[in-house]
Structure formats: structure tokens, C-alpha cells
Amino acid sequence: MQDVAARFEPETGKNVKRIFGSSGNLFQQIQNGAPFDMFFSANLDYPKKLQAAGLIENGSYYRYAAGQNRGWVPKDFKINLTSGLKVLLDPSGKK
């Protein structure tokens, strides 16, 4: 967001005030009338609920990014990683 605002401001001449917080807290603020112009949320449910409640501009909701989870393990890791996320259930793992 810092990079996006840094490019947007000189191109438009408009100042961007960035407010960071949990999606849930910002969602509640918007429901209660907080004057946000844009809302970026990692949780897709919050903007969908705002749209269903008629609290956002029609057609303005869109998925702006997609991510992937990654994990790293030490070279001497003893647990078999071929089982995918089920490896997290192995009691040998500690952290």
C-alpha cells in the first residue's frame, strides 16, 4: 500500500491517508459510518458483506490479489513432507 500511494499521489495530486488495522475492525467501522474511500481486506467475506448490505458502490468489489502459503523447514527435518498439510498433524513437529 505504501508503494501504491507513493505512485498515486504524484500522478493525481491527491493526498492518501493510509489507515492500517484488522479487516474485522475496519469492517465494523465502515458499518457504523466511518468515512473510508477504499477498503482492502485479506478476508473476502468482509467486503462481500458490505456489498450485500449496500454499503459500497455497486460494481466496486473485486478480488485485487491472491496469495499462497509457504513453509520452510531445516535441512535435517525428520518429518515426511509428502503428505502436504497433513504433516502439521504429526506430533513430532514442535513449532
Protein backbone atom coordinates (compact mmCIF):
# COMPACT_ATOMS: atom_id res chain seq x y z
CA MET A 1 0.00 0.00 0.00
CA GLN A 2 2.90 2.33 0.68
CA ASP A 3 4.17 1.88 -2.89
CA VAL A 4 0.70 2.24 -4.40
CA ALA A 5 0.10 5.50 -2.51
CA ALA A 6 3.59 6.78 -3.38
CA ARG A 7 2.75 6.39 -7.09
CA PHE A 8 -0.88 7.55 -6.83
CA GLU A 9 -0.21 10.84 -5.03
CA PRO A 10 2.12 12.49 -7.57
CA GLU A 11 0.07 11.20 -10.51
CA THR A 12 -3.20 12.61 -9.16
CA GLY A 13 -2.14 15.41 -6.83
CA LYS A 14 -4.32 13.84 -4.13
CA ASN A 15 -3.08 13.02 -0.65
CA VAL A 16 -3.63 9.46 0.56
CA LYS A 17 -4.18 8.81 4.26
CA ARG A 18 -3.46 5.14 4.88
CA ILE A 19 -5.13 3.50 7.87
CA PHE A 20 -3.96 0.02 8.77
CA GLY A 21 -5.83 -2.37 11.03
CA SER A 22 -7.56 -5.69 11.16
CA SER A 23 -10.16 -6.25 8.46
CA GLY A 24 -12.75 -7.06 11.12
CA ASN A 25 -12.23 -3.79 12.98
CA LEU A 26 -12.28 -1.70 9.80
CA PHE A 27 -15.37 -3.59 8.60
CA GLN A 28 -17.20 -2.64 11.81
CA GLN A 29 -16.13 0.99 11.46
CA ILE A 30 -17.46 1.12 7.90
CA GLN A 31 -20.75 -0.45 9.02
CA ASN A 32 -21.01 2.33 11.59
CA GLY A 33 -20.42 5.10 9.06
CA ALA A 34 -16.65 5.63 9.09
CA PRO A 35 -15.74 7.71 6.02
CA PHE A 36 -13.40 5.38 4.11
CA ASP A 37 -12.96 5.83 0.36
CA MET A 38 -11.34 2.43 -0.19
CA PHE A 39 -11.18 -0.80 1.82
CA PHE A 40 -8.62 -3.51 1.11
CA SER A 41 -9.20 -6.72 3.05
CA ALA A 42 -7.36 -10.05 3.10
CA ASN A 43 -10.65 -11.65 4.17
CA LEU A 44 -13.05 -11.66 1.20
CA ASP A 45 -16.08 -12.10 3.45
CA TYR A 46 -15.95 -8.55 4.83
CA PRO A 47 -16.23 -6.68 1.52
CA LYS A 48 -18.86 -9.18 0.35
CA LYS A 49 -20.92 -8.42 3.47
CA LEU A 50 -20.54 -4.67 2.88
CA GLN A 51 -21.72 -5.16 -0.70
CA ALA A 52 -24.72 -7.24 0.42
CA ALA A 53 -25.64 -4.51 2.90
CA GLY A 54 -25.49 -1.84 0.18
CA LEU A 55 -22.61 -0.04 1.90
CA ILE A 56 -20.24 0.04 -1.06
CA GLU A 57 -20.51 1.42 -4.57
CA ASN A 58 -22.16 -1.07 -6.93
CA GLY A 59 -19.58 -2.88 -9.05
CA SER A 60 -16.62 -1.72 -6.97
CA TYR A 61 -15.95 -5.04 -5.23
CA TYR A 62 -13.22 -7.10 -6.84
CA ARG A 63 -10.50 -9.51 -5.81
CA TYR A 64 -7.30 -7.50 -6.08
CA ALA A 65 -4.74 -10.18 -5.16
CA ALA A 66 -4.25 -13.85 -4.48
CA GLY A 67 -1.62 -15.38 -2.27
CA GLN A 68 -0.10 -18.70 -1.39
CA ASN A 69 1.10 -20.14 1.88
CA ARG A 70 4.70 -21.22 2.11
CA GLY A 71 6.63 -23.13 4.70
CA TRP A 72 10.31 -23.70 5.36
CA VAL A 73 11.96 -26.48 7.32
CA PRO A 74 15.54 -27.16 8.40
CA LYS A 75 17.65 -29.45 6.18
CA ASP A 76 17.69 -32.12 8.88
CA PHE A 77 13.86 -32.11 9.27
CA LYS A 78 12.76 -35.66 10.11
CA ILE A 79 9.04 -35.50 9.23
CA ASN A 80 7.85 -36.79 5.82
CA LEU A 81 6.62 -33.74 3.88
CA THR A 82 4.95 -35.65 1.03
CA SER A 83 1.59 -35.70 2.84
CA GLY A 84 1.03 -31.98 2.28
CA LEU A 85 -0.70 -30.01 5.04
CA LYS A 86 -1.43 -33.22 6.94
CA VAL A 87 2.20 -33.03 8.07
CA LEU A 88 1.04 -30.33 10.52
CA LEU A 89 -0.83 -33.02 12.46
CA ASP A 90 2.33 -35.07 13.03
CA PRO A 91 3.12 -34.98 16.79
CA SER A 92 6.86 -34.93 16.01
CA GLY A 93 6.60 -31.30 14.94
CA LYS A 94 7.11 -28.85 17.79
CA LYS A 95 6.95 -25.33 16.36
